[in-house]
Amino acid sequence: WRSDPAYVQVRAIGEKYATYRTFAVEG
């Protein structure tokens, strides 16, 4: 998901409106 080119493009839009700190953990 995170490396999907479509999401990379959408994320650039999101970064106009927000700053992110994301991380992942396994259950």
PDB file of all heavy atoms in Angstrom:
ATOM      1  N   TRP A   1       0.841  -1.209   0.000  1.00  0.00           N
ATOM      2  CA  TRP A   1       0.000   0.000   0.000  1.00  0.00           C
ATOM      3  C   TRP A   1       0.870   1.252   0.000  1.00  0.00           C
ATOM      4  O   TRP A   1       0.669   2.153  -0.788  1.00  0.00           O
ATOM      5  CB  TRP A   1      -0.920   0.004   1.226  1.00  0.00           C
ATOM      6  CG  TRP A   1      -1.284   1.385   1.651  1.00  0.00           C
ATOM      7  CD1 TRP A   1      -2.173   2.219   1.030  1.00  0.00           C
ATOM      8  CD2 TRP A   1      -0.729   2.133   2.732  1.00  0.00           C
ATOM      9  NE1 TRP A   1      -2.214   3.433   1.681  1.00  0.00           N
ATOM     10  CE2 TRP A   1      -1.336   3.399   2.740  1.00  0.00           C
ATOM     11  CE3 TRP A   1       0.221   1.840   3.721  1.00  0.00           C
ATOM     12  CZ2 TRP A   1      -1.027   4.377   3.675  1.00  0.00           C
ATOM     13  CZ3 TRP A   1       0.520   2.806   4.655  1.00  0.00           C
ATOM     14  CH2 TRP A   1      -0.093   4.052   4.618  1.00  0.00           C
ATOM     15  N   ARG A   2       1.853   1.279   0.906  1.00  0.00           N
ATOM     16  CA  ARG A   2       2.650   2.502   1.072  1.00  0.00           C
ATOM     17  C   ARG A   2       3.495   2.816  -0.161  1.00  0.00           C
ATOM     18  O   ARG A   2       3.776   3.972  -0.452  1.00  0.00           O
ATOM     19  CB  ARG A   2       3.544   2.387   2.319  1.00  0.00           C
ATOM     20  CG  ARG A   2       4.241   3.683   2.684  1.00  0.00           C
ATOM     21  CD  ARG A   2       3.218   4.797   2.923  1.00  0.00           C
ATOM     22  NE  ARG A   2       3.854   6.065   3.244  1.00  0.00           N
ATOM     23  CZ  ARG A   2       4.193   6.982   2.345  1.00  0.00           C
ATOM     24  NH1 ARG A   2       3.987   6.786   1.067  1.00  0.00           N
ATOM     25  NH2 ARG A   2       4.743   8.118   2.726  1.00  0.00           N
ATOM     26  N   SER A   3       3.891   1.792  -0.909  1.00  0.00           N
ATOM     27  CA  SER A   3       4.716   2.031  -2.100  1.00  0.00           C
ATOM     28  C   SER A   3       3.891   2.086  -3.386  1.00  0.00           C
ATOM     29  O   SER A   3       4.445   2.292  -4.459  1.00  0.00           O
ATOM     30  CB  SER A   3       5.804   0.968  -2.209  1.00  0.00           C
ATOM     31  OG  SER A   3       5.229  -0.316  -2.370  1.00  0.00           O
ATOM     32  N   ASP A   4       2.579   1.925  -3.281  1.00  0.00           N
ATOM     33  CA  ASP A   4       1.706   2.001  -4.451  1.00  0.00           C
ATOM     34  C   ASP A   4       1.822   3.401  -5.059  1.00  0.00           C
ATOM     35  O   ASP A   4       1.618   4.402  -4.369  1.00  0.00           O
ATOM     36  CB  ASP A   4       0.260   1.736  -4.023  1.00  0.00           C
ATOM     37  CG  ASP A   4      -0.724   1.720  -5.176  1.00  0.00           C
ATOM     38  OD1 ASP A   4      -0.578   2.520  -6.126  1.00  0.00           O
ATOM     39  OD2 ASP A   4      -1.654   0.900  -5.120  1.00  0.00           O
ATOM     40  N   PRO A   5       2.168   3.510  -6.347  1.00  0.00           N
ATOM     41  CA  PRO A   5       2.322   4.826  -6.969  1.00  0.00           C
ATOM     42  C   PRO A   5       1.081   5.715  -6.829  1.00  0.00           C
ATOM     43  O   PRO A   5       1.203   6.930  -6.683  1.00  0.00           O
ATOM     44  CB  PRO A   5       2.601   4.498  -8.435  1.00  0.00           C
ATOM     45  CG  PRO A   5       3.178   3.121  -8.411  1.00  0.00           C
ATOM     46  CD  PRO A   5       2.501   2.417  -7.270  1.00  0.00           C
ATOM     47  N   ALA A   6      -0.102   5.117  -6.831  1.00  0.00           N
ATOM     48  CA  ALA A   6      -1.321   5.902  -6.661  1.00  0.00           C
ATOM     49  C   ALA A   6      -1.363   6.529  -5.270  1.00  0.00           C
ATOM     50  O   ALA A   6      -1.766   7.681  -5.112  1.00  0.00           O
ATOM     51  CB  ALA A   6      -2.554   5.036  -6.897  1.00  0.00           C
ATOM     52  N   TYR A   7      -0.926   5.762  -4.251  1.00  0.00           N
ATOM     53  CA  TYR A   7      -0.929   6.338  -2.899  1.00  0.00           C
ATOM     54  C   TYR A   7       0.172   7.391  -2.759  1.00  0.00           C
ATOM     55  O   TYR A   7      -0.042   8.415  -2.119  1.00  0.00           O
ATOM     56  CB  TYR A   7      -0.779   5.280  -1.806  1.00  0.00           C
ATOM     57  CG  TYR A   7      -0.806   5.969  -0.460  1.00  0.00           C
ATOM     58  CD1 TYR A   7      -1.995   6.479   0.042  1.00  0.00           C
ATOM     59  CD2 TYR A   7       0.359   6.195   0.257  1.00  0.00           C
ATOM     60  CE1 TYR A   7      -2.026   7.182   1.235  1.00  0.00           C
ATOM     61  CE2 TYR A   7       0.339   6.891   1.454  1.00  0.00           C
ATOM     62  CZ  TYR A   7      -0.857   7.382   1.942  1.00  0.00           C
ATOM     63  OH  TYR A   7      -0.884   8.086   3.109  1.00  0.00           O
ATOM     64  N   VAL A   8       1.317   7.155  -3.340  1.00  0.00           N
ATOM     65  CA  VAL A   8       2.403   8.139  -3.272  1.00  0.00           C
ATOM     66  C   VAL A   8       1.909   9.482  -3.810  1.00  0.00           C
ATOM     67  O   VAL A   8       2.169  10.539  -3.228  1.00  0.00           O
ATOM     68  CB  VAL A   8       3.651   7.639  -4.036  1.00  0.00           C
ATOM     69  CG1 VAL A   8       4.694   8.731  -4.168  1.00  0.00           C
ATOM     70  CG2 VAL A   8       4.237   6.411  -3.345  1.00  0.00           C
ATOM     71  N   GLN A   9       1.150   9.431  -4.879  1.00  0.00           N
ATOM     72  CA  GLN A   9       0.593  10.642  -5.475  1.00  0.00           C
ATOM     73  C   GLN A   9      -0.428  11.302  -4.541  1.00  0.00           C
ATOM     74  O   GLN A   9      -0.414  12.522  -4.342  1.00  0.00           O
ATOM     75  CB  GLN A   9      -0.070  10.274  -6.805  1.00  0.00           C
ATOM     76  CG  GLN A   9      -0.111  11.352  -7.812  1.00  0.00           C
ATOM     77  CD  GLN A   9      -0.580  10.806  -9.163  1.00  0.00           C
ATOM     78  OE1 GLN A   9      -1.222   9.764  -9.266  1.00  0.00           O
ATOM     79  NE2 GLN A   9      -0.260  11.523 -10.210  1.00  0.00           N
ATOM     80  N   VAL A  10      -1.310  10.509  -3.954  1.00  0.00           N
ATOM     81  CA  VAL A  10      -2.328  11.032  -3.040  1.00  0.00           C
ATOM     82  C   VAL A  10      -1.675  11.575  -1.774  1.00  0.00           C
ATOM     83  O   VAL A  10      -2.095  12.604  -1.228  1.00  0.00           O
ATOM     84  CB  VAL A  10      -3.367   9.937  -2.699  1.00  0.00           C
ATOM     85  CG1 VAL A  10      -4.266  10.352  -1.553  1.00  0.00           C
ATOM     86  CG2 VAL A  10      -4.195   9.614  -3.925  1.00  0.00           C
ATOM     87  N   ARG A  11      -0.644  10.911  -1.316  1.00  0.00           N
ATOM     88  CA  ARG A  11       0.047  11.361  -0.098  1.00  0.00           C
ATOM     89  C   ARG A  11       0.621  12.765  -0.291  1.00  0.00           C
ATOM     90  O   ARG A  11       0.610  13.582   0.625  1.00  0.00           O
ATOM     91  CB  ARG A  11       1.151  10.368   0.279  1.00  0.00           C
ATOM     92  CG  ARG A  11       1.978  10.733   1.476  1.00  0.00           C
ATOM     93  CD  ARG A  11       1.131  10.803   2.764  1.00  0.00           C
ATOM     94  NE  ARG A  11       1.980  11.107   3.896  1.00  0.00           N
ATOM     95  CZ  ARG A  11       2.403  10.208   4.763  1.00  0.00           C
ATOM     96  NH1 ARG A  11       2.033   8.946   4.658  1.00  0.00           N
ATOM     97  NH2 ARG A  11       3.180  10.570   5.751  1.00  0.00           N
ATOM     98  N   ALA A  12       1.112  13.051  -1.486  1.00  0.00           N
ATOM     99  CA  ALA A  12       1.630  14.386  -1.775  1.00  0.00           C
ATOM    100  C   ALA A  12       0.531  15.436  -1.597  1.00  0.00           C
ATOM    101  O   ALA A  12       0.789  16.540  -1.112  1.00  0.00           O
ATOM    102  CB  ALA A  12       2.209  14.437  -3.186  1.00  0.00           C
ATOM    103  N   ILE A  13      -0.688  15.087  -1.948  1.00  0.00           N
ATOM    104  CA  ILE A  13      -1.820  15.985  -1.718  1.00  0.00           C
ATOM    105  C   ILE A  13      -2.057  16.144  -0.225  1.00  0.00           C
ATOM    106  O   ILE A  13      -2.233  17.254   0.276  1.00  0.00           O
ATOM    107  CB  ILE A  13      -3.095  15.455  -2.429  1.00  0.00           C
ATOM    108  CG1 ILE A  13      -2.898  15.475  -3.941  1.00  0.00           C
ATOM    109  CG2 ILE A  13      -4.326  16.261  -2.003  1.00  0.00           C
ATOM    110  CD1 ILE A  13      -3.967  14.724  -4.715  1.00  0.00           C
ATOM    111  N   GLY A  14      -2.045  15.031   0.498  1.00  0.00           N
ATOM    112  CA  GLY A  14      -2.255  15.078   1.945  1.00  0.00           C
ATOM    113  C   GLY A  14      -1.224  15.931   2.651  1.00  0.00           C
ATOM    114  O   GLY A  14      -1.538  16.619   3.632  1.00  0.00           O
ATOM    115  N   GLU A  15       0.012  15.920   2.148  1.00  0.00           N
ATOM    116  CA  GLU A  15       1.085  16.686   2.790  1.00  0.00           C
ATOM    117  C   GLU A  15       0.920  18.193   2.612  1.00  0.00           C
ATOM    118  O   GLU A  15       1.580  18.965   3.308  1.00  0.00           O
ATOM    119  CB  GLU A  15       2.436  16.194   2.284  1.00  0.00           C
ATOM    120  CG  GLU A  15       2.748  14.820   2.847  1.00  0.00           C
ATOM    121  CD  GLU A  15       3.993  14.170   2.279  1.00  0.00           C
ATOM    122  OE1 GLU A  15       4.614  14.738   1.351  1.00  0.00           O
ATOM    123  OE2 GLU A  15       4.339  13.079   2.759  1.00  0.00           O
ATOM    124  N   LYS A  16       0.014  18.609   1.734  1.00  0.00           N
ATOM    125  CA  LYS A  16      -0.314  20.037   1.640  1.00  0.00           C
ATOM    126  C   LYS A  16      -1.135  20.466   2.855  1.00  0.00           C
ATOM    127  O   LYS A  16      -1.138  21.636   3.215  1.00  0.00           O
ATOM    128  CB  LYS A  16      -1.122  20.336   0.368  1.00  0.00           C
ATOM    129  CG  LYS A  16      -0.350  20.149  -0.917  1.00  0.00           C
ATOM    130  CD  LYS A  16      -1.083  20.659  -2.148  1.00  0.00           C
ATOM    131  CE  LYS A  16      -2.529  20.254  -2.242  1.00  0.00           C
ATOM    132  NZ  LYS A  16      -3.154  20.605  -3.534  1.00  0.00           N
ATOM    133  N   TYR A  17      -1.837  19.512   3.468  1.00  0.00           N
ATOM    134  CA  TYR A  17      -2.775  19.811   4.539  1.00  0.00           C
ATOM    135  C   TYR A  17      -2.378  19.249   5.901  1.00  0.00           C
ATOM    136  O   TYR A  17      -3.026  19.561   6.900  1.00  0.00           O
ATOM    137  CB  TYR A  17      -4.156  19.268   4.179  1.00  0.00           C
ATOM    138  CG  TYR A  17      -4.634  19.759   2.847  1.00  0.00           C
ATOM    139  CD1 TYR A  17      -4.782  18.902   1.768  1.00  0.00           C
ATOM    140  CD2 TYR A  17      -4.921  21.110   2.643  1.00  0.00           C
ATOM    141  CE1 TYR A  17      -5.209  19.358   0.536  1.00  0.00           C
ATOM    142  CE2 TYR A  17      -5.342  21.582   1.412  1.00  0.00           C
ATOM    143  CZ  TYR A  17      -5.487  20.705   0.367  1.00  0.00           C
ATOM    144  OH  TYR A  17      -5.904  21.171  -0.861  1.00  0.00           O
ATOM    145  N   ALA A  18      -1.341  18.442   5.947  1.00  0.00           N
ATOM    146  CA  ALA A  18      -1.007  17.782   7.209  1.00  0.00           C
ATOM    147  C   ALA A  18       0.460  17.347   7.240  1.00  0.00           C
ATOM    148  O   ALA A  18       1.089  17.190   6.196  1.00  0.00           O
ATOM    149  CB  ALA A  18      -1.901  16.551   7.390  1.00  0.00           C
ATOM    150  N   THR A  19       0.959  17.139   8.451  1.00  0.00           N
ATOM    151  CA  THR A  19       2.264  16.503   8.633  1.00  0.00           C
ATOM    152  C   THR A  19       2.010  15.156   9.309  1.00  0.00           C
ATOM    153  O   THR A  19       1.114  15.036  10.155  1.00  0.00           O
ATOM    154  CB  THR A  19       3.222  17.368   9.476  1.00  0.00           C
ATOM    155  OG1 THR A  19       2.602  17.669  10.717  1.00  0.00           O
ATOM    156  CG2 THR A  19       3.584  18.645   8.757  1.00  0.00           C
ATOM    157  N   TYR A  20       2.797  14.178   8.923  1.00  0.00           N
ATOM    158  CA  TYR A  20       2.556  12.799   9.343  1.00  0.00           C
ATOM    159  C   TYR A  20       3.733  12.238  10.136  1.00  0.00           C
ATOM    160  O   TYR A  20       4.882  12.523   9.834  1.00  0.00           O
ATOM    161  CB  TYR A  20       2.384  11.897   8.109  1.00  0.00           C
ATOM    162  CG  TYR A  20       1.226  12.260   7.228  1.00  0.00           C
ATOM    163  CD1 TYR A  20       1.332  13.272   6.282  1.00  0.00           C
ATOM    164  CD2 TYR A  20       0.029  11.579   7.339  1.00  0.00           C
ATOM    165  CE1 TYR A  20       0.265  13.597   5.463  1.00  0.00           C
ATOM    166  CE2 TYR A  20      -1.037  11.903   6.509  1.00  0.00           C
ATOM    167  CZ  TYR A  20      -0.921  12.911   5.579  1.00  0.00           C
ATOM    168  OH  TYR A  20      -1.970  13.226   4.772  1.00  0.00           O
ATOM    169  N   ARG A  21       3.400  11.405  11.076  1.00  0.00           N
ATOM    170  CA  ARG A  21       4.371  10.526  11.733  1.00  0.00           C
ATOM    171  C   ARG A  21       3.682   9.173  11.796  1.00  0.00           C
ATOM    172  O   ARG A  21       2.711   8.988  12.536  1.00  0.00           O
ATOM    173  CB  ARG A  21       4.718  11.005  13.134  1.00  0.00           C
ATOM    174  CG  ARG A  21       5.717  10.088  13.814  1.00  0.00           C
ATOM    175  CD  ARG A  21       6.223  10.679  15.130  1.00  0.00           C
ATOM    176  NE  ARG A  21       7.180   9.790  15.717  1.00  0.00           N
ATOM    177  CZ  ARG A  21       6.942   9.039  16.784  1.00  0.00           C
ATOM    178  NH1 ARG A  21       5.766   9.106  17.393  1.00  0.00           N
ATOM    179  NH2 ARG A  21       7.861   8.233  17.256  1.00  0.00           N
ATOM    180  N   THR A  22       4.124   8.249  10.959  1.00  0.00           N
ATOM    181  CA  THR A  22       3.479   6.939  10.899  1.00  0.00           C
ATOM    182  C   THR A  22       4.500   5.848  11.155  1.00  0.00           C
ATOM    183  O   THR A  22       5.685   5.997  10.867  1.00  0.00           O
ATOM    184  CB  THR A  22       2.811   6.701   9.534  1.00  0.00           C
ATOM    185  OG1 THR A  22       3.798   6.791   8.509  1.00  0.00           O
ATOM    186  CG2 THR A  22       1.708   7.707   9.256  1.00  0.00           C
ATOM    187  N   PHE A  23       4.012   4.756  11.710  1.00  0.00           N
ATOM    188  CA  PHE A  23       4.856   3.589  11.936  1.00  0.00           C
ATOM    189  C   PHE A  23       3.978   2.348  11.940  1.00  0.00           C
ATOM    190  O   PHE A  23       2.757   2.457  12.041  1.00  0.00           O
ATOM    191  CB  PHE A  23       5.676   3.718  13.226  1.00  0.00           C
ATOM    192  CG  PHE A  23       4.869   4.126  14.428  1.00  0.00           C
ATOM    193  CD1 PHE A  23       4.367   3.179  15.310  1.00  0.00           C
ATOM    194  CD2 PHE A  23       4.618   5.466  14.686  1.00  0.00           C
ATOM    195  CE1 PHE A  23       3.631   3.564  16.410  1.00  0.00           C
ATOM    196  CE2 PHE A  23       3.874   5.856  15.786  1.00  0.00           C
ATOM    197  CZ  PHE A  23       3.376   4.903  16.652  1.00  0.00           C
ATOM    198  N   ALA A  24       4.609   1.202  11.789  1.00  0.00           N
ATOM    199  CA  ALA A  24       3.859  -0.054  11.700  1.00  0.00           C
ATOM    200  C   ALA A  24       4.415  -1.064  12.693  1.00  0.00           C
ATOM    201  O   ALA A  24       5.619  -1.075  12.971  1.00  0.00           O
ATOM    202  CB  ALA A  24       3.946  -0.625  10.282  1.00  0.00           C
ATOM    203  N   VAL A  25       3.516  -1.897  13.192  1.00  0.00           N
ATOM    204  CA  VAL A  25       3.895  -3.000  14.084  1.00  0.00           C
ATOM    205  C   VAL A  25       3.116  -4.240  13.658  1.00  0.00           C
ATOM    206  O   VAL A  25       2.006  -4.122  13.138  1.00  0.00           O
ATOM    207  CB  VAL A  25       3.617  -2.698  15.567  1.00  0.00           C
ATOM    208  CG1 VAL A  25       4.476  -1.542  16.068  1.00  0.00           C
ATOM    209  CG2 VAL A  25       2.156  -2.407  15.824  1.00  0.00           C
ATOM    210  N   GLU A  26       3.724  -5.397  13.882  1.00  0.00           N
ATOM    211  CA  GLU A  26       3.008  -6.644  13.626  1.00  0.00           C
ATOM    212  C   GLU A  26       2.199  -6.999  14.858  1.00  0.00           C
ATOM    213  O   GLU A  26       2.598  -6.702  15.994  1.00  0.00           O
ATOM    214  CB  GLU A  26       3.984  -7.774  13.301  1.00  0.00           C
ATOM    215  CG  GLU A  26       4.600  -7.628  11.938  1.00  0.00           C
ATOM    216  CD  GLU A  26       5.462  -8.816  11.543  1.00  0.00           C
ATOM    217  OE1 GLU A  26       6.071  -9.432  12.441  1.00  0.00           O
ATOM    218  OE2 GLU A  26       5.515  -9.117  10.354  1.00  0.00           O
ATOM    219  N   GLY A  27       1.055  -7.619  14.632  1.00  0.00           N
ATOM    220  CA  GLY A  27       0.218  -8.060  15.732  1.00  0.00           C
ATOM    221  C   GLY A  27       0.874  -9.181  16.506  1.00  0.00           C
ATOM    222  O   GLY A  27       1.731  -9.897  15.996  1.00  0.00           O
TER     223      GLY A  27
END
